């Protein structure tokens, strides 16, 4: 059980880093590879993005 607890604390400890990293990667993808967001936008139901809903 202590291994699970330490893994969660590491994730929580660096959550800001993960968010910033995702933003740094996501902005260039949206700008230079617009076909990726266009593809992901196909998976939408009732104006809700299924990939985003899955991660939330």
Protein backbone atom coordinates (compact mmCIF):
# COMPACT_ATOMS: atom_id res chain seq x y z
CA UNK A 1 0.00 0.00 0.00
CA UNK A 2 2.86 2.40 0.62
CA UNK A 3 3.96 2.07 -3.02
CA UNK A 4 0.56 3.26 -4.24
CA UNK A 5 0.57 6.18 -1.86
CA UNK A 6 4.03 7.33 -2.94
CA UNK A 7 3.07 7.11 -6.64
CA UNK A 8 0.09 9.36 -6.05
CA UNK A 9 2.14 11.86 -4.09
CA UNK A 10 4.74 12.03 -6.89
CA UNK A 11 1.99 12.73 -9.40
CA UNK A 12 0.46 15.35 -7.15
CA UNK A 13 3.84 16.88 -6.37
CA UNK A 14 4.60 17.46 -10.05
CA UNK A 15 1.05 18.15 -11.29
CA UNK A 16 1.95 21.71 -12.25
CA UNK A 17 4.87 20.39 -14.31
CA UNK A 18 2.60 17.90 -16.13
CA UNK A 19 0.04 20.61 -16.93
CA UNK A 20 2.69 23.02 -18.23
CA UNK A 21 4.31 20.22 -20.26
CA UNK A 22 0.97 19.32 -21.86
CA UNK A 23 0.36 22.97 -22.72
CA UNK A 24 3.85 23.37 -24.20
CA UNK A 25 3.31 20.26 -26.35
CA UNK A 26 -0.35 20.98 -27.20
CA UNK A 27 0.00 24.53 -28.50
CA UNK A 28 2.54 23.66 -31.23
CA UNK A 29 0.48 20.60 -32.19
CA UNK A 30 -2.57 22.80 -32.66
CA UNK A 31 -0.61 25.39 -34.61
CA UNK A 32 1.65 23.24 -36.83
CA UNK A 33 -0.34 20.01 -37.09
CA UNK A 34 -3.98 21.15 -37.35
CA UNK A 35 -5.08 17.76 -38.69
CA UNK A 36 -4.67 16.23 -35.20
CA UNK A 37 -7.20 18.55 -33.48
CA UNK A 38 -9.48 18.24 -36.52
CA UNK A 39 -9.38 14.45 -36.16
CA UNK A 40 -10.07 14.59 -32.42
CA UNK A 41 -12.98 16.98 -33.01
CA UNK A 42 -14.75 14.23 -34.95
CA UNK A 43 -15.32 12.39 -31.68
CA UNK A 44 -17.90 14.75 -30.28
CA UNK A 45 -21.35 14.00 -28.96
CA UNK A 46 -23.82 16.73 -27.96
CA UNK A 47 -21.00 19.29 -28.18
CA UNK A 48 -18.91 17.27 -25.68
CA UNK A 49 -15.49 16.02 -26.73
CA UNK A 50 -15.34 12.30 -25.94
CA UNK A 51 -11.51 12.23 -25.63
CA UNK A 52 -11.59 15.16 -23.20
CA UNK A 53 -14.49 13.68 -21.23
CA UNK A 54 -12.57 10.43 -20.92
CA UNK A 55 -9.56 12.14 -19.35
CA UNK A 56 -11.60 14.30 -17.02
